[in-house]
Full PDB file with SEQRES, HELIX, SHEET, SSBOND, CRYST1, ORIGX, SCALE, CONECT and MASTER records, all heavy atoms in Angstrom:
SEQRES   1 A   32  TYR LEU ASN LYS ASP GLU LEU TYR PRO GLY THR ARG ASP          
SEQRES   2 A   32  PHE ARG MET SER TYR GLU LEU LEU GLU GLU PHE THR ARG          
SEQRES   3 A   32  GLN TYR ILE GLN TYR GLN                                      
HELIX    1 AA1 LEU A    2  LEU A    7  5                                   6    
HELIX    2 AA2 TYR A   18  GLN A   30  1                                  13    
CRYST1    1.000    1.000    1.000  90.00  90.00  90.00 P 1           1          
ORIGX1      1.000000  0.000000  0.000000        0.00000                         
ORIGX2      0.000000  1.000000  0.000000        0.00000                         
ORIGX3      0.000000  0.000000  1.000000        0.00000                         
SCALE1      1.000000  0.000000  0.000000        0.00000                         
SCALE2      0.000000  1.000000  0.000000        0.00000                         
SCALE3      0.000000  0.000000  1.000000        0.00000                         
ATOM      1  N   TYR A   1       1.933  -3.966  81.218  1.00  0.00           N  
ATOM      2  CA  TYR A   1       1.044  -3.488  82.273  1.00  0.00           C  
ATOM      3  C   TYR A   1       0.468  -2.088  82.026  1.00  0.00           C  
ATOM      4  O   TYR A   1      -0.471  -1.679  82.707  1.00  0.00           O  
ATOM      5  CB  TYR A   1       1.764  -3.514  83.621  1.00  0.00           C  
ATOM      6  CG  TYR A   1       0.834  -3.882  84.750  1.00  0.00           C  
ATOM      7  CD1 TYR A   1       0.497  -5.208  84.985  1.00  0.00           C  
ATOM      8  CD2 TYR A   1       0.264  -2.923  85.561  1.00  0.00           C  
ATOM      9  CE1 TYR A   1      -0.381  -5.559  85.997  1.00  0.00           C  
ATOM     10  CE2 TYR A   1      -0.620  -3.259  86.579  1.00  0.00           C  
ATOM     11  CZ  TYR A   1      -0.936  -4.575  86.790  1.00  0.00           C  
ATOM     12  OH  TYR A   1      -1.820  -4.921  87.790  1.00  0.00           O  
ATOM     13  N   LEU A   2       1.001  -1.350  81.075  1.00  0.00           N  
ATOM     14  CA  LEU A   2       0.552   0.022  80.866  1.00  0.00           C  
ATOM     15  C   LEU A   2      -0.939   0.113  80.561  1.00  0.00           C  
ATOM     16  O   LEU A   2      -1.605   1.070  80.949  1.00  0.00           O  
ATOM     17  CB  LEU A   2       1.350   0.674  79.734  1.00  0.00           C  
ATOM     18  CG  LEU A   2       2.789   1.107  80.057  1.00  0.00           C  
ATOM     19  CD1 LEU A   2       3.451   1.673  78.817  1.00  0.00           C  
ATOM     20  CD2 LEU A   2       2.806   2.135  81.182  1.00  0.00           C  
ATOM     21  N   ASN A   3      -1.486  -0.870  79.841  1.00  0.00           N  
ATOM     22  CA  ASN A   3      -2.894  -0.784  79.439  1.00  0.00           C  
ATOM     23  C   ASN A   3      -3.851  -1.295  80.507  1.00  0.00           C  
ATOM     24  O   ASN A   3      -5.058  -1.378  80.261  1.00  0.00           O  
ATOM     25  CB  ASN A   3      -3.128  -1.533  78.131  1.00  0.00           C  
ATOM     26  CG  ASN A   3      -2.863  -3.028  78.253  1.00  0.00           C  
ATOM     27  OD1 ASN A   3      -2.396  -3.511  79.287  1.00  0.00           O  
ATOM     28  ND2 ASN A   3      -3.163  -3.780  77.194  1.00  0.00           N  
ATOM     29  N   LYS A   4      -3.351  -1.650  81.688  1.00  0.00           N  
ATOM     30  CA  LYS A   4      -4.242  -2.140  82.738  1.00  0.00           C  
ATOM     31  C   LYS A   4      -5.141  -1.047  83.294  1.00  0.00           C  
ATOM     32  O   LYS A   4      -6.082  -1.348  84.037  1.00  0.00           O  
ATOM     33  CB  LYS A   4      -3.439  -2.787  83.873  1.00  0.00           C  
ATOM     34  CG  LYS A   4      -2.632  -4.006  83.449  1.00  0.00           C  
ATOM     35  CD  LYS A   4      -3.501  -5.083  82.822  1.00  0.00           C  
ATOM     36  CE  LYS A   4      -2.666  -6.277  82.382  1.00  0.00           C  
ATOM     37  NZ  LYS A   4      -3.484  -7.307  81.681  1.00  0.00           N  
ATOM     38  N   ASP A   5      -4.900   0.197  82.925  1.00  0.00           N  
ATOM     39  CA  ASP A   5      -5.806   1.257  83.340  1.00  0.00           C  
ATOM     40  C   ASP A   5      -7.193   1.060  82.741  1.00  0.00           C  
ATOM     41  O   ASP A   5      -8.186   1.582  83.256  1.00  0.00           O  
ATOM     42  CB  ASP A   5      -5.251   2.640  82.984  1.00  0.00           C  
ATOM     43  CG  ASP A   5      -5.014   2.812  81.478  1.00  0.00           C  
ATOM     44  OD1 ASP A   5      -5.088   1.816  80.714  1.00  0.00           O  
ATOM     45  OD2 ASP A   5      -4.738   3.953  81.055  1.00  0.00           O  
ATOM     46  N   GLU A   6      -7.271   0.266  81.649  1.00  0.00           N  
ATOM     47  CA  GLU A   6      -8.555  -0.026  81.029  1.00  0.00           C  
ATOM     48  C   GLU A   6      -9.472  -0.836  81.950  1.00  0.00           C  
ATOM     49  O   GLU A   6     -10.689  -0.863  81.753  1.00  0.00           O  
ATOM     50  CB  GLU A   6      -8.335  -0.771  79.714  1.00  0.00           C  
ATOM     51  CG  GLU A   6      -7.561   0.032  78.672  1.00  0.00           C  
ATOM     52  CD  GLU A   6      -7.210  -0.778  77.451  1.00  0.00           C  
ATOM     53  OE1 GLU A   6      -7.539  -1.990  77.429  1.00  0.00           O  
ATOM     54  OE2 GLU A   6      -6.564  -0.232  76.527  1.00  0.00           O  
ATOM     55  N   LEU A   7      -8.887  -1.509  82.942  1.00  0.00           N  
ATOM     56  CA  LEU A   7      -9.684  -2.266  83.901  1.00  0.00           C  
ATOM     57  C   LEU A   7     -10.451  -1.354  84.844  1.00  0.00           C  
ATOM     58  O   LEU A   7     -11.404  -1.793  85.489  1.00  0.00           O  
ATOM     59  CB  LEU A   7      -8.783  -3.202  84.716  1.00  0.00           C  
ATOM     60  CG  LEU A   7      -8.077  -4.327  83.954  1.00  0.00           C  
ATOM     61  CD1 LEU A   7      -7.090  -5.038  84.870  1.00  0.00           C  
ATOM     62  CD2 LEU A   7      -9.095  -5.313  83.403  1.00  0.00           C  
ATOM     63  N   TYR A   8     -10.000  -0.108  84.926  1.00  0.00           N  
ATOM     64  CA  TYR A   8     -10.594   0.831  85.881  1.00  0.00           C  
ATOM     65  C   TYR A   8     -10.972   2.128  85.169  1.00  0.00           C  
ATOM     66  O   TYR A   8     -10.361   3.178  85.403  1.00  0.00           O  
ATOM     67  CB  TYR A   8      -9.619   1.083  87.034  1.00  0.00           C  
ATOM     68  CG  TYR A   8      -9.217  -0.201  87.730  1.00  0.00           C  
ATOM     69  CD1 TYR A   8      -8.033  -0.852  87.409  1.00  0.00           C  
ATOM     70  CD2 TYR A   8     -10.054  -0.773  88.677  1.00  0.00           C  
ATOM     71  CE1 TYR A   8      -7.690  -2.053  88.015  1.00  0.00           C  
ATOM     72  CE2 TYR A   8      -9.714  -1.967  89.301  1.00  0.00           C  
ATOM     73  CZ  TYR A   8      -8.528  -2.606  88.965  1.00  0.00           C  
ATOM     74  OH  TYR A   8      -8.191  -3.796  89.584  1.00  0.00           O  
ATOM     75  N   PRO A   9     -11.943   2.078  84.269  1.00  0.00           N  
ATOM     76  CA  PRO A   9     -12.334   3.270  83.508  1.00  0.00           C  
ATOM     77  C   PRO A   9     -12.804   4.385  84.426  1.00  0.00           C  
ATOM     78  O   PRO A   9     -13.527   4.162  85.397  1.00  0.00           O  
ATOM     79  CB  PRO A   9     -13.475   2.758  82.617  1.00  0.00           C  
ATOM     80  CG  PRO A   9     -13.989   1.527  83.305  1.00  0.00           C  
ATOM     81  CD  PRO A   9     -12.795   0.907  83.954  1.00  0.00           C  
ATOM     82  N   GLY A  10     -12.352   5.573  84.124  1.00  0.00           N  
ATOM     83  CA  GLY A  10     -12.731   6.735  84.919  1.00  0.00           C  
ATOM     84  C   GLY A  10     -11.830   7.005  86.102  1.00  0.00           C  
ATOM     85  O   GLY A  10     -11.945   8.054  86.745  1.00  0.00           O  
ATOM     86  N   THR A  11     -10.927   6.075  86.405  1.00  0.00           N  
ATOM     87  CA  THR A  11     -10.022   6.262  87.538  1.00  0.00           C  
ATOM     88  C   THR A  11      -8.880   7.190  87.143  1.00  0.00           C  
ATOM     89  O   THR A  11      -8.196   6.958  86.146  1.00  0.00           O  
ATOM     90  CB  THR A  11      -9.446   4.919  88.027  1.00  0.00           C  
ATOM     91  OG1 THR A  11     -10.526   4.074  88.423  1.00  0.00           O  
ATOM     92  CG2 THR A  11      -8.508   5.122  89.202  1.00  0.00           C  
ATOM     93  N   ARG A  12      -8.679   8.222  87.912  1.00  0.00           N  
ATOM     94  CA  ARG A  12      -7.577   9.147  87.664  1.00  0.00           C  
ATOM     95  C   ARG A  12      -6.454   8.989  88.685  1.00  0.00           C  
ATOM     96  O   ARG A  12      -5.284   9.186  88.361  1.00  0.00           O  
ATOM     97  CB  ARG A  12      -8.085  10.587  87.677  1.00  0.00           C  
ATOM     98  CG  ARG A  12      -9.048  10.915  86.528  1.00  0.00           C  
ATOM     99  CD  ARG A  12      -9.415  12.386  86.516  1.00  0.00           C  
ATOM    100  NE  ARG A  12     -10.271  12.719  85.383  1.00  0.00           N  
ATOM    101  CZ  ARG A  12     -10.713  13.945  85.123  1.00  0.00           C  
ATOM    102  NH1 ARG A  12     -10.367  14.953  85.939  1.00  0.00           N  
ATOM    103  NH2 ARG A  12     -11.491  14.160  84.079  1.00  0.00           N  
ATOM    104  N   ASP A  13      -6.823   8.650  89.884  1.00  0.00           N  
ATOM    105  CA  ASP A  13      -5.846   8.499  90.959  1.00  0.00           C  
ATOM    106  C   ASP A  13      -5.675   7.012  91.276  1.00  0.00           C  
ATOM    107  O   ASP A  13      -6.565   6.387  91.826  1.00  0.00           O  
ATOM    108  CB  ASP A  13      -6.293   9.259  92.205  1.00  0.00           C  
ATOM    109  CG  ASP A  13      -5.242   9.222  93.317  1.00  0.00           C  
ATOM    110  OD1 ASP A  13      -4.117   8.714  93.056  1.00  0.00           O  
ATOM    111  OD2 ASP A  13      -5.531   9.692  94.434  1.00  0.00           O  
ATOM    112  N   PHE A  14      -4.521   6.458  90.910  1.00  0.00           N  
ATOM    113  CA  PHE A  14      -4.262   5.049  91.150  1.00  0.00           C  
ATOM    114  C   PHE A  14      -3.434   4.825  92.419  1.00  0.00           C  
ATOM    115  O   PHE A  14      -2.956   3.724  92.649  1.00  0.00           O  
ATOM    116  CB  PHE A  14      -3.529   4.436  89.945  1.00  0.00           C  
ATOM    117  CG  PHE A  14      -4.436   4.126  88.781  1.00  0.00           C  
ATOM    118  CD1 PHE A  14      -4.743   5.095  87.845  1.00  0.00           C  
ATOM    119  CD2 PHE A  14      -4.982   2.862  88.626  1.00  0.00           C  
ATOM    120  CE1 PHE A  14      -5.569   4.822  86.773  1.00  0.00           C  
ATOM    121  CE2 PHE A  14      -5.807   2.576  87.555  1.00  0.00           C  
ATOM    122  CZ  PHE A  14      -6.108   3.559  86.620  1.00  0.00           C  
ATOM    123  N   ARG A  15      -3.251   5.850  93.217  1.00  0.00           N  
ATOM    124  CA  ARG A  15      -2.497   5.705  94.450  1.00  0.00           C  
ATOM    125  C   ARG A  15      -3.266   4.846  95.455  1.00  0.00           C  
ATOM    126  O   ARG A  15      -4.439   5.096  95.741  1.00  0.00           O  
ATOM    127  CB  ARG A  15      -2.198   7.058  95.091  1.00  0.00           C  
ATOM    128  CG  ARG A  15      -1.236   7.938  94.322  1.00  0.00           C  
ATOM    129  CD  ARG A  15      -1.067   9.263  95.068  1.00  0.00           C  
ATOM    130  NE  ARG A  15      -0.521   9.047  96.405  1.00  0.00           N  
ATOM    131  CZ  ARG A  15       0.774   9.058  96.703  1.00  0.00           C  
ATOM    132  NH1 ARG A  15       1.651   9.311  95.747  1.00  0.00           N  
ATOM    133  NH2 ARG A  15       1.189   8.865  97.944  1.00  0.00           N  
ATOM    134  N   MET A  16      -2.587   3.860  96.004  1.00  0.00           N  
ATOM    135  CA  MET A  16      -3.192   3.077  97.072  1.00  0.00           C  
ATOM    136  C   MET A  16      -3.341   3.939  98.310  1.00  0.00           C  
ATOM    137  O   MET A  16      -2.418   4.642  98.716  1.00  0.00           O  
ATOM    138  CB  MET A  16      -2.324   1.852  97.392  1.00  0.00           C  
ATOM    139  CG  MET A  16      -2.867   0.967  98.510  1.00  0.00           C  
ATOM    140  SD  MET A  16      -1.827  -0.485  98.832  1.00  0.00           S  
ATOM    141  CE  MET A  16      -2.223  -1.466  97.371  1.00  0.00           C  
ATOM    142  N   SER A  17      -4.505   3.890  98.919  1.00  0.00           N  
ATOM    143  CA  SER A  17      -4.738   4.672 100.125  1.00  0.00           C  
ATOM    144  C   SER A  17      -3.975   4.079 101.302  1.00  0.00           C  
ATOM    145  O   SER A  17      -3.696   2.872 101.343  1.00  0.00           O  
ATOM    146  CB  SER A  17      -6.229   4.714 100.450  1.00  0.00           C  
ATOM    147  OG  SER A  17      -6.689   3.434 100.878  1.00  0.00           O  
ATOM    148  N   TYR A  18      -3.648   4.912 102.272  1.00  0.00           N  
ATOM    149  CA  TYR A  18      -2.982   4.427 103.479  1.00  0.00           C  
ATOM    150  C   TYR A  18      -3.881   3.466 104.248  1.00  0.00           C  
ATOM    151  O   TYR A  18      -3.407   2.521 104.888  1.00  0.00           O  
ATOM    152  CB  TYR A  18      -2.575   5.602 104.364  1.00  0.00           C  
ATOM    153  CG  TYR A  18      -1.329   6.325 103.892  1.00  0.00           C  
ATOM    154  CD1 TYR A  18      -1.199   7.694 104.055  1.00  0.00           C  
ATOM    155  CD2 TYR A  18      -0.283   5.642 103.291  1.00  0.00           C  
ATOM    156  CE1 TYR A  18      -0.065   8.367 103.621  1.00  0.00           C  
ATOM    157  CE2 TYR A  18       0.857   6.292 102.854  1.00  0.00           C  
ATOM    158  CZ  TYR A  18       0.952   7.648 103.023  1.00  0.00           C  
ATOM    159  OH  TYR A  18       2.083   8.311 102.593  1.00  0.00           O  
ATOM    160  N   GLU A  19      -5.175   3.703 104.185  1.00  0.00           N  
ATOM    161  CA  GLU A  19      -6.119   2.804 104.866  1.00  0.00           C  
ATOM    162  C   GLU A  19      -6.050   1.402 104.282  1.00  0.00           C  
ATOM    163  O   GLU A  19      -6.010   0.402 105.009  1.00  0.00           O  
ATOM    164  CB  GLU A  19      -7.533   3.381 104.753  1.00  0.00           C  
ATOM    165  CG  GLU A  19      -8.634   2.497 105.332  1.00  0.00           C  
ATOM    166  CD  GLU A  19      -9.279   1.595 104.295  1.00  0.00           C  
ATOM    167  OE1 GLU A  19      -9.327   1.984 103.102  1.00  0.00           O  
ATOM    168  OE2 GLU A  19      -9.710   0.471 104.674  1.00  0.00           O  
ATOM    169  N   LEU A  20      -6.037   1.303 102.934  1.00  0.00           N  
ATOM    170  CA  LEU A  20      -5.951   0.000 102.293  1.00  0.00           C  
ATOM    171  C   LEU A  20      -4.575  -0.625 102.522  1.00  0.00           C  
ATOM    172  O   LEU A  20      -4.461  -1.835 102.739  1.00  0.00           O  
ATOM    173  CB  LEU A  20      -6.230   0.115 100.796  1.00  0.00           C  
ATOM    174  CG  LEU A  20      -6.160  -1.203 100.009  1.00  0.00           C  
ATOM    175  CD1 LEU A  20      -7.190  -2.198 100.533  1.00  0.00           C  
ATOM    176  CD2 LEU A  20      -6.354  -0.959  98.519  1.00  0.00           C  
ATOM    177  N   LEU A  21      -3.526   0.186 102.463  1.00  0.00           N  
ATOM    178  CA  LEU A  21      -2.178  -0.308 102.733  1.00  0.00           C  
ATOM    179  C   LEU A  21      -2.110  -0.964 104.108  1.00  0.00           C  
ATOM    180  O   LEU A  21      -1.530  -2.043 104.263  1.00  0.00           O  
ATOM    181  CB  LEU A  21      -1.164   0.829 102.644  1.00  0.00           C  
ATOM    182  CG  LEU A  21       0.283   0.483 103.013  1.00  0.00           C  
ATOM    183  CD1 LEU A  21       0.865  -0.547 102.049  1.00  0.00           C  
ATOM    184  CD2 LEU A  21       1.147   1.745 103.034  1.00  0.00           C  
ATOM    185  N   GLU A  22      -2.726  -0.322 105.103  1.00  0.00           N  
ATOM    186  CA  GLU A  22      -2.715  -0.884 106.459  1.00  0.00           C  
ATOM    187  C   GLU A  22      -3.492  -2.199 106.516  1.00  0.00           C  
ATOM    188  O   GLU A  22      -3.032  -3.164 107.129  1.00  0.00           O  
ATOM    189  CB  GLU A  22      -3.290   0.125 107.453  1.00  0.00           C  
ATOM    190  CG  GLU A  22      -3.318  -0.389 108.889  1.00  0.00           C  
ATOM    191  CD  GLU A  22      -3.535   0.676 109.927  1.00  0.00           C  
ATOM    192  OE1 GLU A  22      -3.686   1.861 109.544  1.00  0.00           O  
ATOM    193  OE2 GLU A  22      -3.517   0.360 111.142  1.00  0.00           O  
ATOM    194  N   GLU A  23      -4.646  -2.232 105.867  1.00  0.00           N  
ATOM    195  CA  GLU A  23      -5.451  -3.459 105.883  1.00  0.00           C  
ATOM    196  C   GLU A  23      -4.721  -4.606 105.195  1.00  0.00           C  
ATOM    197  O   GLU A  23      -4.716  -5.737 105.683  1.00  0.00           O  
ATOM    198  CB  GLU A  23      -6.802  -3.207 105.216  1.00  0.00           C  
ATOM    199  CG  GLU A  23      -7.725  -4.418 105.171  1.00  0.00           C  
ATOM    200  CD  GLU A  23      -8.104  -4.921 106.550  1.00  0.00           C  
ATOM    201  OE1 GLU A  23      -7.981  -4.162 107.542  1.00  0.00           O  
ATOM    202  OE2 GLU A  23      -8.515  -6.102 106.644  1.00  0.00           O  
ATOM    203  N   PHE A  24      -4.106  -4.319 104.062  1.00  0.00           N  
ATOM    204  CA  PHE A  24      -3.346  -5.354 103.365  1.00  0.00           C  
ATOM    205  C   PHE A  24      -2.184  -5.856 104.221  1.00  0.00           C  
ATOM    206  O   PHE A  24      -1.963  -7.060 104.344  1.00  0.00           O  
ATOM    207  CB  PHE A  24      -2.814  -4.838 102.032  1.00  0.00           C  
ATOM    208  CG  PHE A  24      -1.756  -5.736 101.442  1.00  0.00           C  
ATOM    209  CD1 PHE A  24      -2.094  -6.959 100.898  1.00  0.00           C  
ATOM    210  CD2 PHE A  24      -0.412  -5.371 101.482  1.00  0.00           C  
ATOM    211  CE1 PHE A  24      -1.119  -7.803 100.377  1.00  0.00           C  
ATOM    212  CE2 PHE A  24       0.568  -6.214 100.964  1.00  0.00           C  
ATOM    213  CZ  PHE A  24       0.212  -7.427 100.410  1.00  0.00           C  
ATOM    214  N   THR A  25      -1.423  -4.936 104.788  1.00  0.00           N  
ATOM    215  CA  THR A  25      -0.265  -5.319 105.584  1.00  0.00           C  
ATOM    216  C   THR A  25      -0.674  -6.204 106.756  1.00  0.00           C  
ATOM    217  O   THR A  25      -0.039  -7.222 107.040  1.00  0.00           O  
ATOM    218  CB  THR A  25       0.479  -4.073 106.099  1.00  0.00           C  
ATOM    219  OG1 THR A  25       0.810  -3.216 104.998  1.00  0.00           O  
ATOM    220  CG2 THR A  25       1.748  -4.457 106.834  1.00  0.00           C  
ATOM    221  N   ARG A  26      -1.749  -5.821 107.416  1.00  0.00           N  
ATOM    222  CA  ARG A  26      -2.241  -6.612 108.553  1.00  0.00           C  
ATOM    223  C   ARG A  26      -2.607  -8.026 108.132  1.00  0.00           C  
ATOM    224  O   ARG A  26      -2.173  -9.002 108.735  1.00  0.00           O  
ATOM    225  CB  ARG A  26      -3.450  -5.916 109.187  1.00  0.00           C  
ATOM    226  CG  ARG A  26      -4.005  -6.632 110.418  1.00  0.00           C  
ATOM    227  CD  ARG A  26      -5.313  -6.011 110.890  1.00  0.00           C  
ATOM    228  NE  ARG A  26      -6.397  -6.197 109.924  1.00  0.00           N  
ATOM    229  CZ  ARG A  26      -7.092  -7.321 109.797  1.00  0.00           C  
ATOM    230  NH1 ARG A  26      -6.816  -8.374 110.555  1.00  0.00           N  
ATOM    231  NH2 ARG A  26      -8.065  -7.392 108.897  1.00  0.00           N  
ATOM    232  N   GLN A  27      -3.401  -8.131 107.069  1.00  0.00           N  
ATOM    233  CA  GLN A  27      -3.847  -9.453 106.629  1.00  0.00           C  
ATOM    234  C   GLN A  27      -2.692 -10.286 106.073  1.00  0.00           C  
ATOM    235  O   GLN A  27      -2.598 -11.488 106.345  1.00  0.00           O  
ATOM    236  CB  GLN A  27      -4.938  -9.310 105.557  1.00  0.00           C  
ATOM    237  CG  GLN A  27      -6.271  -8.792 106.067  1.00  0.00           C  
ATOM    238  CD  GLN A  27      -7.383  -9.065 105.074  1.00  0.00           C  
ATOM    239  OE1 GLN A  27      -7.486 -10.153 104.496  1.00  0.00           O  
ATOM    240  NE2 GLN A  27      -8.224  -8.062 104.853  1.00  0.00           N  
ATOM    241  N   TYR A  28      -1.849  -9.654 105.308  1.00  0.00           N  
ATOM    242  CA  TYR A  28      -0.748 -10.382 104.666  1.00  0.00           C  
ATOM    243  C   TYR A  28       0.165 -11.013 105.720  1.00  0.00           C  
ATOM    244  O   TYR A  28       0.579 -12.170 105.580  1.00  0.00           O  
ATOM    245  CB  TYR A  28       0.045  -9.431 103.781  1.00  0.00           C  
ATOM    246  CG  TYR A  28       1.036 -10.111 102.850  1.00  0.00           C  
ATOM    247  CD1 TYR A  28       0.610 -11.043 101.911  1.00  0.00           C  
ATOM    248  CD2 TYR A  28       2.387  -9.796 102.899  1.00  0.00           C  
ATOM    249  CE1 TYR A  28       1.517 -11.648 101.046  1.00  0.00           C  
ATOM    250  CE2 TYR A  28       3.296 -10.387 102.035  1.00  0.00           C  
ATOM    251  CZ  TYR A  28       2.860 -11.316 101.121  1.00  0.00           C  
ATOM    252  OH  TYR A  28       3.764 -11.920 100.267  1.00  0.00           O  
ATOM    253  N   ILE A  29       0.466 -10.286 106.759  1.00  0.00           N  
ATOM    254  CA  ILE A  29       1.291 -10.825 107.837  1.00  0.00           C  
ATOM    255  C   ILE A  29       0.514 -11.876 108.627  1.00  0.00           C  
ATOM    256  O   ILE A  29       1.041 -12.943 108.969  1.00  0.00           O  
ATOM    257  CB  ILE A  29       1.773  -9.689 108.761  1.00  0.00           C  
ATOM    258  CG1 ILE A  29       2.770  -8.789 108.011  1.00  0.00           C  
ATOM    259  CG2 ILE A  29       2.413 -10.252 110.032  1.00  0.00           C  
ATOM    260  CD1 ILE A  29       3.186  -7.549 108.776  1.00  0.00           C  
ATOM    261  N   GLN A  30      -0.751 -11.593 108.904  1.00  0.00           N  
ATOM    262  CA  GLN A  30      -1.575 -12.489 109.714  1.00  0.00           C  
ATOM    263  C   GLN A  30      -1.669 -13.892 109.131  1.00  0.00           C  
ATOM    264  O   GLN A  30      -1.652 -14.885 109.881  1.00  0.00           O  
ATOM    265  CB  GLN A  30      -2.981 -11.906 109.854  1.00  0.00           C  
ATOM    266  CG  GLN A  30      -3.955 -12.777 110.646  1.00  0.00           C  
ATOM    267  CD  GLN A  30      -5.361 -12.184 110.689  1.00  0.00           C  
ATOM    268  OE1 GLN A  30      -5.588 -11.050 110.222  1.00  0.00           O  
ATOM    269  NE2 GLN A  30      -6.298 -12.930 111.246  1.00  0.00           N  
ATOM    270  N   TYR A  31      -1.726 -13.985 107.796  1.00  0.00           N  
ATOM    271  CA  TYR A  31      -1.973 -15.272 107.170  1.00  0.00           C  
ATOM    272  C   TYR A  31      -0.719 -15.963 106.651  1.00  0.00           C  
ATOM    273  O   TYR A  31      -0.800 -16.973 105.958  1.00  0.00           O  
ATOM    274  CB  TYR A  31      -2.996 -15.109 106.051  1.00  0.00           C  
ATOM    275  CG  TYR A  31      -4.337 -14.614 106.548  1.00  0.00           C  
ATOM    276  CD1 TYR A  31      -4.941 -13.483 105.997  1.00  0.00           C  
ATOM    277  CD2 TYR A  31      -4.998 -15.263 107.583  1.00  0.00           C  
ATOM    278  CE1 TYR A  31      -6.168 -13.029 106.454  1.00  0.00           C  
ATOM    279  CE2 TYR A  31      -6.224 -14.806 108.059  1.00  0.00           C  
ATOM    280  CZ  TYR A  31      -6.802 -13.688 107.489  1.00  0.00           C  
ATOM    281  OH  TYR A  31      -8.026 -13.236 107.948  1.00  0.00           O  
ATOM    282  N   GLN A  32       0.443 -15.441 106.956  1.00  0.00           N  
ATOM    283  CA  GLN A  32       1.687 -16.093 106.593  1.00  0.00           C  
ATOM    284  C   GLN A  32       2.135 -17.007 107.731  1.00  0.00           C  
ATOM    285  O   GLN A  32       1.904 -16.707 108.901  1.00  0.00           O  
ATOM    286  CB  GLN A  32       2.784 -15.064 106.304  1.00  0.00           C  
ATOM    287  CG  GLN A  32       2.518 -14.172 105.098  1.00  0.00           C  
ATOM    288  CD  GLN A  32       2.740 -14.872 103.773  1.00  0.00           C  
ATOM    289  OE1 GLN A  32       3.243 -15.991 103.725  1.00  0.00           O  
ATOM    290  NE2 GLN A  32       2.393 -14.198 102.674  1.00  0.00           N  
TER     291      GLN A  32                                                      
MASTER        0    0    0    2    0    0    0    6  290    1    0    3          
END                                                                             
């Protein structure tokens, strides 16, 4: 997985945002 940064050229910050974390959590629970 180390070379997967090549999928996102120019990206320096790979931290998931809290906004996206919330959206994912909501949808993931909703559709289970």
